[in-house]
Amino acid sequence: MFAQTTRSLLRAAPMARSPLSVCARTAFSTSSFNSLISRMSQMSLARPVASPTKSLVAFQQTRGMKVRSSVKKLCDGCKSVRRKGGKYVYIICSKNPKHKQRQG
């Protein structure tokens, strides 16, 4: 039954209409559809979105440190450093910041 009515609506509708408008007309009455559109426009006005240029400038991601049970020097630029009274062993690399590690 539903498939037959859908096919008849699609045949009757000209090709210039989008399928969304046909589906919207069949699912909602005109008044409820208009109220839905007005509510959606009010929601978009109530919650302004920040421009992407401001958010990109404000947020700068910094690379952290890997935490491992056993740390190793991964290249010839890596140095082993003991800090916090010998409690932690750090690997600091001057050539590649991805090699930063902390034993812990």
PDB file of N, CA and C in Angstrom:
ATOM      1  N   MET A   1       0.824  -1.188   0.000  1.00  0.00           N
ATOM      2  CA  MET A   1       0.000   0.000   0.000  1.00  0.00           C
ATOM      3  C   MET A   1       0.874   1.261   0.000  1.00  0.00           C
ATOM      4  N   PHE A   2       1.843   1.324   0.935  1.00  0.00           N
ATOM      5  CA  PHE A   2       2.718   2.491   1.034  1.00  0.00           C
ATOM      6  C   PHE A   2       3.570   2.646  -0.216  1.00  0.00           C
ATOM      7  N   ALA A   3       4.073   1.521  -0.751  1.00  0.00           N
ATOM      8  CA  ALA A   3       4.916   1.574  -1.943  1.00  0.00           C
ATOM      9  C   ALA A   3       4.117   2.054  -3.141  1.00  0.00           C
ATOM     10  N   GLN A   4       2.854   1.651  -3.247  1.00  0.00           N
ATOM     11  CA  GLN A   4       2.017   2.077  -4.372  1.00  0.00           C
ATOM     12  C   GLN A   4       1.747   3.579  -4.307  1.00  0.00           C
ATOM     13  N   THR A   5       1.454   4.100  -3.117  1.00  0.00           N
ATOM     14  CA  THR A   5       1.185   5.538  -3.006  1.00  0.00           C
ATOM     15  C   THR A   5       2.461   6.340  -3.252  1.00  0.00           C
ATOM     16  N   THR A   6       3.599   5.829  -2.821  1.00  0.00           N
ATOM     17  CA  THR A   6       4.872   6.515  -3.053  1.00  0.00           C
ATOM     18  C   THR A   6       5.168   6.567  -4.541  1.00  0.00           C
ATOM     19  N   ARG A   7       4.965   5.434  -5.235  1.00  0.00           N
ATOM     20  CA  ARG A   7       5.203   5.402  -6.679  1.00  0.00           C
ATOM     21  C   ARG A   7       4.270   6.365  -7.406  1.00  0.00           C
ATOM     22  N   SER A   8       3.015   6.403  -7.003  1.00  0.00           N
ATOM     23  CA  SER A   8       2.074   7.301  -7.683  1.00  0.00           C
ATOM     24  C   SER A   8       2.431   8.762  -7.431  1.00  0.00           C
ATOM     25  N   LEU A   9       2.916   9.086  -6.240  1.00  0.00           N
ATOM     26  CA  LEU A   9       3.339  10.458  -5.961  1.00  0.00           C
ATOM     27  C   LEU A   9       4.569  10.834  -6.769  1.00  0.00           C
ATOM     28  N   LEU A  10       5.514   9.898  -6.882  1.00  0.00           N
ATOM     29  CA  LEU A  10       6.717  10.187  -7.644  1.00  0.00           C
ATOM     30  C   LEU A  10       6.402  10.336  -9.126  1.00  0.00           C
ATOM     31  N   ARG A  11       5.457   9.550  -9.659  1.00  0.00           N
ATOM     32  CA  ARG A  11       5.069   9.683 -11.055  1.00  0.00           C
ATOM     33  C   ARG A  11       4.366  11.009 -11.301  1.00  0.00           C
ATOM     34  N   ALA A  12       3.542  11.433 -10.360  1.00  0.00           N
ATOM     35  CA  ALA A  12       2.771  12.661 -10.529  1.00  0.00           C
ATOM     36  C   ALA A  12       3.641  13.900 -10.362  1.00  0.00           C
ATOM     37  N   ALA A  13       4.724  13.809  -9.579  1.00  0.00           N
ATOM     38  CA  ALA A  13       5.568  14.968  -9.308  1.00  0.00           C
ATOM     39  C   ALA A  13       6.503  15.218 -10.484  1.00  0.00           C
ATOM     40  N   PRO A  14       6.671  16.484 -10.896  1.00  0.00           N
ATOM     41  CA  PRO A  14       7.622  16.775 -11.969  1.00  0.00           C
ATOM     42  C   PRO A  14       9.046  16.526 -11.485  1.00  0.00           C
ATOM     43  N   MET A  15       9.971  16.367 -12.414  1.00  0.00           N
ATOM     44  CA  MET A  15      11.355  16.033 -12.085  1.00  0.00           C
ATOM     45  C   MET A  15      12.083  17.197 -11.410  1.00  0.00           C
ATOM     46  N   ALA A  16      11.595  18.428 -11.553  1.00  0.00           N
ATOM     47  CA  ALA A  16      12.275  19.577 -10.967  1.00  0.00           C
ATOM     48  C   ALA A  16      12.196  19.564  -9.446  1.00  0.00           C
ATOM     49  N   ARG A  17      11.191  18.896  -8.871  1.00  0.00           N
ATOM     50  CA  ARG A  17      11.069  18.841  -7.414  1.00  0.00           C
ATOM     51  C   ARG A  17      12.066  17.849  -6.842  1.00  0.00           C
ATOM     52  N   SER A  18      12.556  18.170  -5.672  1.00  0.00           N
ATOM     53  CA  SER A  18      13.465  17.245  -5.016  1.00  0.00           C
ATOM     54  C   SER A  18      12.663  16.178  -4.281  1.00  0.00           C
ATOM     55  N   PRO A  19      13.213  14.965  -4.103  1.00  0.00           N
ATOM     56  CA  PRO A  19      12.502  13.922  -3.360  1.00  0.00           C
ATOM     57  C   PRO A  19      12.225  14.311  -1.919  1.00  0.00           C
ATOM     58  N   LEU A  20      13.051  15.204  -1.363  1.00  0.00           N
ATOM     59  CA  LEU A  20      12.847  15.641   0.014  1.00  0.00           C
ATOM     60  C   LEU A  20      11.533  16.400   0.152  1.00  0.00           C
ATOM     61  N   SER A  21      11.229  17.270  -0.841  1.00  0.00           N
ATOM     62  CA  SER A  21       9.995  18.035  -0.738  1.00  0.00           C
ATOM     63  C   SER A  21       8.781  17.124  -0.860  1.00  0.00           C
ATOM     64  N   VAL A  22       8.854  16.071  -1.698  1.00  0.00           N
ATOM     65  CA  VAL A  22       7.746  15.134  -1.830  1.00  0.00           C
ATOM     66  C   VAL A  22       7.547  14.373  -0.535  1.00  0.00           C
ATOM     67  N   CYS A  23       8.648  13.906   0.052  1.00  0.00           N
ATOM     68  CA  CYS A  23       8.560  13.164   1.312  1.00  0.00           C
ATOM     69  C   CYS A  23       8.052  14.055   2.438  1.00  0.00           C
ATOM     70  N   ALA A  24       8.492  15.302   2.448  1.00  0.00           N
ATOM     71  CA  ALA A  24       8.068  16.205   3.508  1.00  0.00           C
ATOM     72  C   ALA A  24       6.572  16.473   3.407  1.00  0.00           C
ATOM     73  N   ARG A  25       6.051  16.605   2.182  1.00  0.00           N
ATOM     74  CA  ARG A  25       4.632  16.862   2.025  1.00  0.00           C
ATOM     75  C   ARG A  25       3.790  15.661   2.422  1.00  0.00           C
ATOM     76  N   THR A  26       4.307  14.456   2.179  1.00  0.00           N
ATOM     77  CA  THR A  26       3.524  13.282   2.529  1.00  0.00           C
ATOM     78  C   THR A  26       3.591  12.985   4.018  1.00  0.00           C
ATOM     79  N   ALA A  27       4.703  13.338   4.688  1.00  0.00           N
ATOM     80  CA  ALA A  27       4.868  12.996   6.097  1.00  0.00           C
ATOM     81  C   ALA A  27       4.191  14.004   7.027  1.00  0.00           C
ATOM     82  N   PHE A  28       4.159  15.276   6.653  1.00  0.00           N
ATOM     83  CA  PHE A  28       3.626  16.321   7.520  1.00  0.00           C
ATOM     84  C   PHE A  28       2.469  17.029   6.833  1.00  0.00           C
ATOM     85  N   SER A  29       1.595  17.560   7.615  1.00  0.00           N
ATOM     86  CA  SER A  29       0.621  18.484   7.045  1.00  0.00           C
ATOM     87  C   SER A  29       1.317  19.815   6.858  1.00  0.00           C
ATOM     88  N   THR A  30       0.730  20.702   6.108  1.00  0.00           N
ATOM     89  CA  THR A  30       1.376  21.977   5.786  1.00  0.00           C
ATOM     90  C   THR A  30       1.627  22.804   7.041  1.00  0.00           C
ATOM     91  N   SER A  31       0.655  22.844   7.945  1.00  0.00           N
ATOM     92  CA  SER A  31       0.826  23.671   9.146  1.00  0.00           C
ATOM     93  C   SER A  31       1.911  23.112  10.056  1.00  0.00           C
ATOM     94  N   SER A  32       1.966  21.788  10.225  1.00  0.00           N
ATOM     95  CA  SER A  32       2.994  21.228  11.098  1.00  0.00           C
ATOM     96  C   SER A  32       4.373  21.354  10.465  1.00  0.00           C
ATOM     97  N   PHE A  33       4.432  21.270   9.139  1.00  0.00           N
ATOM     98  CA  PHE A  33       5.719  21.432   8.458  1.00  0.00           C
ATOM     99  C   PHE A  33       6.215  22.862   8.602  1.00  0.00           C
ATOM    100  N   ASN A  34       5.316  23.839   8.464  1.00  0.00           N
ATOM    101  CA  ASN A  34       5.702  25.246   8.616  1.00  0.00           C
ATOM    102  C   ASN A  34       6.151  25.539  10.037  1.00  0.00           C
ATOM    103  N   SER A  35       5.488  24.947  11.033  1.00  0.00           N
ATOM    104  CA  SER A  35       5.900  25.179  12.419  1.00  0.00           C
ATOM    105  C   SER A  35       7.265  24.546  12.684  1.00  0.00           C
ATOM    106  N   LEU A  36       7.524  23.403  12.058  1.00  0.00           N
ATOM    107  CA  LEU A  36       8.829  22.757  12.208  1.00  0.00           C
ATOM    108  C   LEU A  36       9.927  23.628  11.620  1.00  0.00           C
ATOM    109  N   ILE A  37       9.679  24.198  10.438  1.00  0.00           N
ATOM    110  CA  ILE A  37      10.656  25.079   9.799  1.00  0.00           C
ATOM    111  C   ILE A  37      10.898  26.321  10.650  1.00  0.00           C
ATOM    112  N   SER A  38       9.848  26.900  11.214  1.00  0.00           N
ATOM    113  CA  SER A  38      10.025  28.100  12.036  1.00  0.00           C
ATOM    114  C   SER A  38      10.812  27.776  13.306  1.00  0.00           C
ATOM    115  N   ARG A  39      10.547  26.607  13.914  1.00  0.00           N
ATOM    116  CA  ARG A  39      11.309  26.215  15.103  1.00  0.00           C
ATOM    117  C   ARG A  39      12.775  25.991  14.765  1.00  0.00           C
ATOM    118  N   MET A  40      13.056  25.391  13.611  1.00  0.00           N
ATOM    119  CA  MET A  40      14.444  25.155  13.211  1.00  0.00           C
ATOM    120  C   MET A  40      15.176  26.469  12.972  1.00  0.00           C
ATOM    121  N   SER A  41      14.503  27.464  12.373  1.00  0.00           N
ATOM    122  CA  SER A  41      15.139  28.755  12.147  1.00  0.00           C
ATOM    123  C   SER A  41      15.385  29.479  13.461  1.00  0.00           C
ATOM    124  N   GLN A  42      14.482  29.340  14.430  1.00  0.00           N
ATOM    125  CA  GLN A  42      14.682  29.961  15.731  1.00  0.00           C
ATOM    126  C   GLN A  42      15.849  29.313  16.468  1.00  0.00           C
ATOM    127  N   MET A  43      15.998  27.995  16.326  1.00  0.00           N
ATOM    128  CA  MET A  43      17.111  27.307  16.986  1.00  0.00           C
ATOM    129  C   MET A  43      18.439  27.757  16.399  1.00  0.00           C
ATOM    130  N   SER A  44      18.503  27.974  15.092  1.00  0.00           N
ATOM    131  CA  SER A  44      19.754  28.391  14.483  1.00  0.00           C
ATOM    132  C   SER A  44      20.104  29.815  14.904  1.00  0.00           C
ATOM    133  N   LEU A  45      19.088  30.668  15.165  1.00  0.00           N
ATOM    134  CA  LEU A  45      19.362  32.020  15.622  1.00  0.00           C
ATOM    135  C   LEU A  45      19.768  32.049  17.085  1.00  0.00           C
ATOM    136  N   ALA A  46      19.261  31.113  17.881  1.00  0.00           N
ATOM    137  CA  ALA A  46      19.540  31.116  19.311  1.00  0.00           C
ATOM    138  C   ALA A  46      20.953  30.631  19.617  1.00  0.00           C
ATOM    139  N   ARG A  47      21.523  29.806  18.738  1.00  0.00           N
ATOM    140  CA  ARG A  47      22.855  29.252  18.995  1.00  0.00           C
ATOM    141  C   ARG A  47      23.816  29.659  17.882  1.00  0.00           C
ATOM    142  N   PRO A  48      24.428  30.839  17.968  1.00  0.00           N
ATOM    143  CA  PRO A  48      25.355  31.251  16.915  1.00  0.00           C
ATOM    144  C   PRO A  48      26.617  30.386  16.949  1.00  0.00           C
ATOM    145  N   VAL A  49      27.159  30.150  15.798  1.00  0.00           N
ATOM    146  CA  VAL A  49      28.346  29.318  15.661  1.00  0.00           C
ATOM    147  C   VAL A  49      29.556  30.215  15.486  1.00  0.00           C
ATOM    148  N   ALA A  50      30.654  29.910  16.171  1.00  0.00           N
ATOM    149  CA  ALA A  50      31.874  30.690  16.046  1.00  0.00           C
ATOM    150  C   ALA A  50      32.466  30.493  14.662  1.00  0.00           C
ATOM    151  N   SER A  51      33.095  31.530  14.157  1.00  0.00           N
ATOM    152  CA  SER A  51      33.702  31.418  12.839  1.00  0.00           C
ATOM    153  C   SER A  51      34.919  30.508  12.922  1.00  0.00           C
ATOM    154  N   PRO A  52      35.195  29.717  11.868  1.00  0.00           N
ATOM    155  CA  PRO A  52      36.293  28.760  11.930  1.00  0.00           C
ATOM    156  C   PRO A  52      37.674  29.408  12.029  1.00  0.00           C
ATOM    157  N   THR A  53      37.836  30.642  11.539  1.00  0.00           N
ATOM    158  CA  THR A  53      39.145  31.273  11.603  1.00  0.00           C
ATOM    159  C   THR A  53      39.531  31.602  13.039  1.00  0.00           C
ATOM    160  N   LYS A  54      38.562  32.025  13.859  1.00  0.00           N
ATOM    161  CA  LYS A  54      38.870  32.338  15.250  1.00  0.00           C
ATOM    162  C   LYS A  54      39.221  31.086  16.036  1.00  0.00           C
ATOM    163  N   SER A  55      38.510  29.989  15.792  1.00  0.00           N
ATOM    164  CA  SER A  55      38.765  28.779  16.552  1.00  0.00           C
ATOM    165  C   SER A  55      40.100  28.147  16.168  1.00  0.00           C
ATOM    166  N   LEU A  56      40.519  28.281  14.906  1.00  0.00           N
ATOM    167  CA  LEU A  56      41.801  27.717  14.498  1.00  0.00           C
ATOM    168  C   LEU A  56      42.964  28.491  15.110  1.00  0.00           C
ATOM    169  N   VAL A  57      42.820  29.795  15.229  1.00  0.00           N
ATOM    170  CA  VAL A  57      43.883  30.613  15.798  1.00  0.00           C
ATOM    171  C   VAL A  57      44.007  30.356  17.290  1.00  0.00           C
ATOM    172  N   ALA A  58      42.886  30.175  17.984  1.00  0.00           N
ATOM    173  CA  ALA A  58      42.898  30.028  19.432  1.00  0.00           C
ATOM    174  C   ALA A  58      43.397  28.659  19.888  1.00  0.00           C
ATOM    175  N   PHE A  59      43.253  27.640  19.054  1.00  0.00           N
ATOM    176  CA  PHE A  59      43.592  26.284  19.474  1.00  0.00           C
ATOM    177  C   PHE A  59      44.862  25.821  18.786  1.00  0.00           C
ATOM    178  N   GLN A  60      45.934  25.648  19.554  1.00  0.00           N
ATOM    179  CA  GLN A  60      47.205  25.150  19.035  1.00  0.00           C
ATOM    180  C   GLN A  60      47.531  23.859  19.775  1.00  0.00           C
ATOM    181  N   GLN A  61      47.611  22.756  19.055  1.00  0.00           N
ATOM    182  CA  GLN A  61      47.856  21.474  19.700  1.00  0.00           C
ATOM    183  C   GLN A  61      49.359  21.269  19.873  1.00  0.00           C
ATOM    184  N   THR A  62      49.742  20.813  21.073  1.00  0.00           N
ATOM    185  CA  THR A  62      51.148  20.529  21.343  1.00  0.00           C
ATOM    186  C   THR A  62      51.316  19.037  21.545  1.00  0.00           C
ATOM    187  N   ARG A  63      52.442  18.543  21.109  1.00  0.00           N
ATOM    188  CA  ARG A  63      52.694  17.112  21.208  1.00  0.00           C
ATOM    189  C   ARG A  63      53.091  16.769  22.644  1.00  0.00           C
ATOM    190  N   GLY A  64      52.524  15.713  23.140  1.00  0.00           N
ATOM    191  CA  GLY A  64      52.796  15.293  24.508  1.00  0.00           C
ATOM    192  C   GLY A  64      53.985  14.355  24.580  1.00  0.00           C
ATOM    193  N   MET A  65      54.004  13.569  25.630  1.00  0.00           N
ATOM    194  CA  MET A  65      55.110  12.660  25.885  1.00  0.00           C
ATOM    195  C   MET A  65      54.567  11.249  26.012  1.00  0.00           C
ATOM    196  N   LYS A  66      55.251  10.285  25.431  1.00  0.00           N
ATOM    197  CA  LYS A  66      54.850   8.890  25.572  1.00  0.00           C
ATOM    198  C   LYS A  66      55.243   8.405  26.960  1.00  0.00           C
ATOM    199  N   VAL A  67      54.383   7.639  27.601  1.00  0.00           N
ATOM    200  CA  VAL A  67      54.676   7.071  28.917  1.00  0.00           C
ATOM    201  C   VAL A  67      54.823   5.570  28.726  1.00  0.00           C
ATOM    202  N   ARG A  68      55.992   5.070  29.046  1.00  0.00           N
ATOM    203  CA  ARG A  68      56.289   3.653  28.831  1.00  0.00           C
ATOM    204  C   ARG A  68      56.922   3.053  30.073  1.00  0.00           C
ATOM    205  N   SER A  69      56.832   1.733  30.155  1.00  0.00           N
ATOM    206  CA  SER A  69      57.464   1.056  31.292  1.00  0.00           C
ATOM    207  C   SER A  69      58.970   0.978  31.110  1.00  0.00           C
ATOM    208  N   SER A  70      59.437   0.844  29.878  1.00  0.00           N
ATOM    209  CA  SER A  70      60.888   0.880  29.624  1.00  0.00           C
ATOM    210  C   SER A  70      61.126   1.815  28.448  1.00  0.00           C
ATOM    211  N   VAL A  71      61.958   2.819  28.675  1.00  0.00           N
ATOM    212  CA  VAL A  71      62.244   3.811  27.643  1.00  0.00           C
ATOM    213  C   VAL A  71      63.554   3.455  26.955  1.00  0.00           C
ATOM    214  N   LYS A  72      63.641   3.801  25.663  1.00  0.00           N
ATOM    215  CA  LYS A  72      64.843   3.519  24.876  1.00  0.00           C
ATOM    216  C   LYS A  72      65.198   4.735  24.047  1.00  0.00           C
ATOM    217  N   LYS A  73      66.453   4.895  23.759  1.00  0.00           N
ATOM    218  CA  LYS A  73      66.898   5.927  22.821  1.00  0.00           C
ATOM    219  C   LYS A  73      66.590   5.418  21.417  1.00  0.00           C
ATOM    220  N   LEU A  74      65.825   6.195  20.657  1.00  0.00           N
ATOM    221  CA  LEU A  74      65.389   5.750  19.344  1.00  0.00           C
ATOM    222  C   LEU A  74      66.285   6.244  18.214  1.00  0.00           C
ATOM    223  N   CYS A  75      67.068   7.303  18.441  1.00  0.00           N
ATOM    224  CA  CYS A  75      67.999   7.786  17.424  1.00  0.00           C
ATOM    225  C   CYS A  75      69.208   8.403  18.115  1.00  0.00           C
ATOM    226  N   ASP A  76      70.154   8.910  17.328  1.00  0.00           N
ATOM    227  CA  ASP A  76      71.365   9.474  17.933  1.00  0.00           C
ATOM    228  C   ASP A  76      71.122  10.859  18.535  1.00  0.00           C
ATOM    229  N   GLY A  77      69.972  11.470  18.303  1.00  0.00           N
ATOM    230  CA  GLY A  77      69.639  12.752  18.911  1.00  0.00           C
ATOM    231  C   GLY A  77      68.965  12.618  20.268  1.00  0.00           C
ATOM    232  N   CYS A  78      68.617  11.396  20.683  1.00  0.00           N
ATOM    233  CA  CYS A  78      67.929  11.172  21.958  1.00  0.00           C
ATOM    234  C   CYS A  78      68.910  11.196  23.118  1.00  0.00           C
ATOM    235  N   LYS A  79      68.513  11.858  24.239  1.00  0.00           N
ATOM    236  CA  LYS A  79      69.335  11.899  25.445  1.00  0.00           C
ATOM    237  C   LYS A  79      68.502  11.416  26.615  1.00  0.00           C
ATOM    238  N   SER A  80      69.119  10.733  27.521  1.00  0.00           N
ATOM    239  CA  SER A  80      68.454  10.257  28.726  1.00  0.00           C
ATOM    240  C   SER A  80      68.660  11.282  29.839  1.00  0.00           C
ATOM    241  N   VAL A  81      67.565  11.641  30.555  1.00  0.00           N
ATOM    242  CA  VAL A  81      67.618  12.653  31.615  1.00  0.00           C
ATOM    243  C   VAL A  81      66.866  12.105  32.813  1.00  0.00           C
ATOM    244  N   ARG A  82      67.449  12.242  34.017  1.00  0.00           N
ATOM    245  CA  ARG A  82      66.764  11.839  35.251  1.00  0.00           C
ATOM    246  C   ARG A  82      66.304  13.096  35.965  1.00  0.00           C
ATOM    247  N   ARG A  83      65.006  13.107  36.335  1.00  0.00           N
ATOM    248  CA  ARG A  83      64.453  14.275  37.010  1.00  0.00           C
ATOM    249  C   ARG A  83      63.606  13.838  38.190  1.00  0.00           C
ATOM    250  N   LYS A  84      63.214  14.830  39.002  1.00  0.00           N
ATOM    251  CA  LYS A  84      62.393  14.619  40.195  1.00  0.00           C
ATOM    252  C   LYS A  84      63.068  13.671  41.174  1.00  0.00           C
ATOM    253  N   GLY A  85      64.336  13.938  41.442  1.00  0.00           N
ATOM    254  CA  GLY A  85      65.088  13.155  42.419  1.00  0.00           C
ATOM    255  C   GLY A  85      65.377  11.737  41.948  1.00  0.00           C
ATOM    256  N   GLY A  86      65.518  11.524  40.656  1.00  0.00           N
ATOM    257  CA  GLY A  86      65.783  10.205  40.125  1.00  0.00           C
ATOM    258  C   GLY A  86      64.561   9.319  40.020  1.00  0.00           C
ATOM    259  N   LYS A  87      63.385   9.887  40.292  1.00  0.00           N
ATOM    260  CA  LYS A  87      62.162   9.094  40.256  1.00  0.00           C
ATOM    261  C   LYS A  87      61.752   8.743  38.827  1.00  0.00           C
ATOM    262  N   TYR A  88      61.910   9.696  37.901  1.00  0.00           N
ATOM    263  CA  TYR A  88      61.533   9.470  36.509  1.00  0.00           C
ATOM    264  C   TYR A  88      62.747   9.541  35.607  1.00  0.00           C
ATOM    265  N   VAL A  89      62.734   8.736  34.564  1.00  0.00           N
ATOM    266  CA  VAL A  89      63.745   8.808  33.506  1.00  0.00           C
ATOM    267  C   VAL A  89      63.036   9.328  32.267  1.00  0.00           C
ATOM    268  N   TYR A  90      63.564  10.396  31.707  1.00  0.00           N
ATOM    269  CA  TYR A  90      63.000  10.996  30.506  1.00  0.00           C
ATOM    270  C   TYR A  90      63.943  10.775  29.340  1.00  0.00           C
ATOM    271  N   ILE A  91      63.388  10.655  28.146  1.00  0.00           N
ATOM    272  CA  ILE A  91      64.164  10.671  26.914  1.00  0.00           C
ATOM    273  C   ILE A  91      63.757  11.931  26.171  1.00  0.00           C
ATOM    274  N   ILE A  92      64.713  12.820  25.917  1.00  0.00           N
ATOM    275  CA  ILE A  92      64.477  14.060  25.196  1.00  0.00           C
ATOM    276  C   ILE A  92      65.233  13.971  23.888  1.00  0.00           C
ATOM    277  N   CYS A  93      64.576  14.287  22.763  1.00  0.00           N
ATOM    278  CA  CYS A  93      65.219  14.185  21.457  1.00  0.00           C
ATOM    279  C   CYS A  93      65.279  15.557  20.805  1.00  0.00           C
ATOM    280  N   SER A  94      66.457  15.902  20.296  1.00  0.00           N
ATOM    281  CA  SER A  94      66.634  17.183  19.624  1.00  0.00           C
ATOM    282  C   SER A  94      66.266  17.103  18.140  1.00  0.00           C
ATOM    283  N   LYS A  95      66.229  15.904  17.581  1.00  0.00           N
ATOM    284  CA  LYS A  95      65.954  15.754  16.147  1.00  0.00           C
ATOM    285  C   LYS A  95      64.478  15.488  15.845  1.00  0.00           C
ATOM    286  N   ASN A  96      63.799  14.694  16.672  1.00  0.00           N
ATOM    287  CA  ASN A  96      62.422  14.326  16.395  1.00  0.00           C
ATOM    288  C   ASN A  96      61.589  14.442  17.681  1.00  0.00           C
ATOM    289  N   PRO A  97      60.634  15.365  17.731  1.00  0.00           N
ATOM    290  CA  PRO A  97      59.845  15.523  18.961  1.00  0.00           C
ATOM    291  C   PRO A  97      58.939  14.332  19.267  1.00  0.00           C
ATOM    292  N   LYS A  98      58.729  13.429  18.306  1.00  0.00           N
ATOM    293  CA  LYS A  98      57.922  12.232  18.568  1.00  0.00           C
ATOM    294  C   LYS A  98      58.633  11.257  19.486  1.00  0.00           C
ATOM    295  N   HIS A  99      59.934  11.415  19.664  1.00  0.00           N
ATOM    296  CA  HIS A  99      60.708  10.483  20.486  1.00  0.00           C
ATOM    297  C   HIS A  99      60.670  10.815  21.970  1.00  0.00           C
ATOM    298  N   LYS A 100      59.975  11.868  22.386  1.00  0.00           N
ATOM    299  CA  LYS A 100      59.915  12.228  23.803  1.00  0.00           C
ATOM    300  C   LYS A 100      59.196  11.139  24.581  1.00  0.00           C
ATOM    301  N   GLN A 101      59.822  10.657  25.669  1.00  0.00           N
ATOM    302  CA  GLN A 101      59.260   9.561  26.463  1.00  0.00           C
ATOM    303  C   GLN A 101      59.488   9.828  27.939  1.00  0.00           C
ATOM    304  N   ARG A 102      58.653   9.203  28.759  1.00  0.00           N
ATOM    305  CA  ARG A 102      58.826   9.244  30.211  1.00  0.00           C
ATOM    306  C   ARG A 102      58.591   7.845  30.735  1.00  0.00           C
ATOM    307  N   GLN A 103      59.458   7.410  31.618  1.00  0.00           N
ATOM    308  CA  GLN A 103      59.280   6.095  32.239  1.00  0.00           C
ATOM    309  C   GLN A 103      58.344   6.268  33.417  1.00  0.00           C
ATOM    310  N   GLY A 104      57.314   5.433  33.458  1.00  0.00           N
ATOM    311  CA  GLY A 104      56.428   5.636  34.571  1.00  0.00           C
ATOM    312  C   GLY A 104      55.418   4.564  34.699  1.00  0.00           C
TER     313      GLY A 104
END
